[in-house]
Amino acid sequence: MDINELIAIVKKKLTNQIDIKSIKIEDKSFLHKNHAGNQEGRYHLKIILSSSQLKALSRIESNKRVYKILDKELKEYIHSIQILIT
């Protein structure tokens, strides 16, 4: 899977399961380029969400919700994820 496919899947899954005003997903894979644990086909994503639904939850609960939705992608394609909720 390439990064553009992964971003499209992540965006679709999140917007289908959470009330989101806006979402921005950035590829930050270059940050792990020279790390020993870096693997081909596994990406670092930064997800910026604007959601009153998630904002109403604690940071831990909102992150858990995102992790649960993206469970398959986290196991197979995502090496690292940053979540910012505004």
C-alpha atoms as a PDB file:
ATOM      1  CA  MET A   1       0.000   0.000   0.000  1.00  0.00           C
ATOM      2  CA  ASP A   2       1.331   3.445  -0.817  1.00  0.00           C
ATOM      3  CA  ILE A   3       0.999   6.509   1.405  1.00  0.00           C
ATOM      4  CA  ASN A   4      -1.794   8.106  -0.644  1.00  0.00           C
ATOM      5  CA  GLU A   5      -3.964   4.978  -0.383  1.00  0.00           C
ATOM      6  CA  LEU A   6      -3.321   4.786   3.365  1.00  0.00           C
ATOM      7  CA  ILE A   7      -4.230   8.451   3.888  1.00  0.00           C
ATOM      8  CA  ALA A   8      -7.472   7.983   1.913  1.00  0.00           C
ATOM      9  CA  ILE A   9      -8.432   4.908   3.970  1.00  0.00           C
ATOM     10  CA  VAL A  10      -7.624   6.608   7.292  1.00  0.00           C
ATOM     11  CA  LYS A  11      -9.599   9.714   6.324  1.00  0.00           C
ATOM     12  CA  LYS A  12     -12.616   7.676   5.204  1.00  0.00           C
ATOM     13  CA  LYS A  13     -12.673   5.472   8.313  1.00  0.00           C
ATOM     14  CA  LEU A  14     -12.389   8.401  10.713  1.00  0.00           C
ATOM     15  CA  THR A  15     -14.987  10.567   8.983  1.00  0.00           C
ATOM     16  CA  ASN A  16     -17.427   7.637   8.795  1.00  0.00           C
ATOM     17  CA  GLN A  17     -17.209   6.917  12.534  1.00  0.00           C
ATOM     18  CA  ILE A  18     -16.593  10.310  14.160  1.00  0.00           C
ATOM     19  CA  ASP A  19     -18.318  13.662  13.705  1.00  0.00           C
ATOM     20  CA  ILE A  20     -15.422  15.661  12.228  1.00  0.00           C
ATOM     21  CA  LYS A  21     -15.476  19.298  11.102  1.00  0.00           C
ATOM     22  CA  SER A  22     -12.081  19.043   9.403  1.00  0.00           C
ATOM     23  CA  ILE A  23      -9.271  16.557   9.065  1.00  0.00           C
ATOM     24  CA  LYS A  24      -5.710  16.928   7.821  1.00  0.00           C
ATOM     25  CA  ILE A  25      -3.335  13.984   7.491  1.00  0.00           C
ATOM     26  CA  GLU A  26       0.383  14.511   6.908  1.00  0.00           C
ATOM     27  CA  ASP A  27       3.034  11.960   5.963  1.00  0.00           C
ATOM     28  CA  LYS A  28       5.882  12.349   8.461  1.00  0.00           C
ATOM     29  CA  SER A  29       7.654   9.095   7.509  1.00  0.00           C
ATOM     30  CA  PHE A  30      10.884  10.959   6.760  1.00  0.00           C
ATOM     31  CA  LEU A  31      11.291  11.407  10.536  1.00  0.00           C
ATOM     32  CA  HIS A  32      12.003   7.664  10.843  1.00  0.00           C
ATOM     33  CA  LYS A  33      14.118   7.232   7.698  1.00  0.00           C
ATOM     34  CA  ASN A  34      17.387   6.358   9.483  1.00  0.00           C
ATOM     35  CA  HIS A  35      15.924   4.647  12.557  1.00  0.00           C
ATOM     36  CA  ALA A  36      16.917   1.033  13.153  1.00  0.00           C
ATOM     37  CA  GLY A  37      13.255  -0.036  13.443  1.00  0.00           C
ATOM     38  CA  ASN A  38      12.174   1.680  10.226  1.00  0.00           C
ATOM     39  CA  GLN A  39      10.395  -0.726   7.864  1.00  0.00           C
ATOM     40  CA  GLU A  40       9.500  -0.351   4.209  1.00  0.00           C
ATOM     41  CA  GLY A  41       5.741   0.066   3.786  1.00  0.00           C
ATOM     42  CA  ARG A  42       5.145   1.350   7.335  1.00  0.00           C
ATOM     43  CA  TYR A  43       4.421   5.032   7.729  1.00  0.00           C
ATOM     44  CA  HIS A  44       4.396   7.833  10.293  1.00  0.00           C
ATOM     45  CA  LEU A  45       1.196   9.876  10.136  1.00  0.00           C
ATOM     46  CA  LYS A  46       0.242  13.132  11.783  1.00  0.00           C
ATOM     47  CA  ILE A  47      -3.534  13.479  12.034  1.00  0.00           C
ATOM     48  CA  ILE A  48      -5.063  16.847  12.886  1.00  0.00           C
ATOM     49  CA  LEU A  49      -8.768  16.573  13.686  1.00  0.00           C
ATOM     50  CA  SER A  50     -11.302  19.233  14.468  1.00  0.00           C
ATOM     51  CA  SER A  51     -14.095  17.441  16.300  1.00  0.00           C
ATOM     52  CA  SER A  52     -16.313  18.606  19.146  1.00  0.00           C
ATOM     53  CA  GLN A  53     -17.194  14.942  19.722  1.00  0.00           C
ATOM     54  CA  LEU A  54     -13.558  14.033  20.437  1.00  0.00           C
ATOM     55  CA  LYS A  55     -12.836  17.320  22.181  1.00  0.00           C
ATOM     56  CA  ALA A  56     -15.532  16.438  24.745  1.00  0.00           C
ATOM     57  CA  LEU A  57     -13.564  13.317  25.710  1.00  0.00           C
ATOM     58  CA  SER A  58     -10.340  13.191  27.697  1.00  0.00           C
ATOM     59  CA  ARG A  59      -7.177  13.072  25.625  1.00  0.00           C
ATOM     60  CA  ILE A  60      -6.686   9.390  26.486  1.00  0.00           C
ATOM     61  CA  GLU A  61     -10.259   8.444  25.567  1.00  0.00           C
ATOM     62  CA  SER A  62     -10.205  10.374  22.300  1.00  0.00           C
ATOM     63  CA  ASN A  63      -6.900   8.764  21.304  1.00  0.00           C
ATOM     64  CA  LYS A  64      -8.267   5.321  22.220  1.00  0.00           C
ATOM     65  CA  ARG A  65     -11.247   5.968  19.955  1.00  0.00           C
ATOM     66  CA  VAL A  66      -8.984   6.837  17.013  1.00  0.00           C
ATOM     67  CA  TYR A  67      -6.717   3.838  17.711  1.00  0.00           C
ATOM     68  CA  LYS A  68      -9.707   1.489  17.816  1.00  0.00           C
ATOM     69  CA  ILE A  69     -11.007   2.764  14.455  1.00  0.00           C
ATOM     70  CA  LEU A  70      -7.554   2.440  12.860  1.00  0.00           C
ATOM     71  CA  ASP A  71      -6.663  -0.894  14.485  1.00  0.00           C
ATOM     72  CA  LYS A  72      -5.990  -2.780  11.225  1.00  0.00           C
ATOM     73  CA  GLU A  73      -3.934   0.045   9.704  1.00  0.00           C
ATOM     74  CA  LEU A  74      -1.888   0.425  12.897  1.00  0.00           C
ATOM     75  CA  LYS A  75      -1.026  -3.282  12.859  1.00  0.00           C
ATOM     76  CA  GLU A  76      -0.137  -3.442   9.175  1.00  0.00           C
ATOM     77  CA  TYR A  77       0.878  -0.042   7.770  1.00  0.00           C
ATOM     78  CA  ILE A  78       1.430   2.602  10.445  1.00  0.00           C
ATOM     79  CA  HIS A  79       4.730   2.683  12.326  1.00  0.00           C
ATOM     80  CA  SER A  80       3.931   5.829  14.304  1.00  0.00           C
ATOM     81  CA  ILE A  81       0.981   8.152  14.703  1.00  0.00           C
ATOM     82  CA  GLN A  82       0.539  11.661  16.106  1.00  0.00           C
ATOM     83  CA  ILE A  83      -2.996  12.784  16.926  1.00  0.00           C
ATOM     84  CA  LEU A  84      -3.867  16.431  17.485  1.00  0.00           C
ATOM     85  CA  ILE A  85      -7.470  17.291  18.349  1.00  0.00           C
ATOM     86  CA  THR A  86      -8.666  20.867  18.083  1.00  0.00           C
END
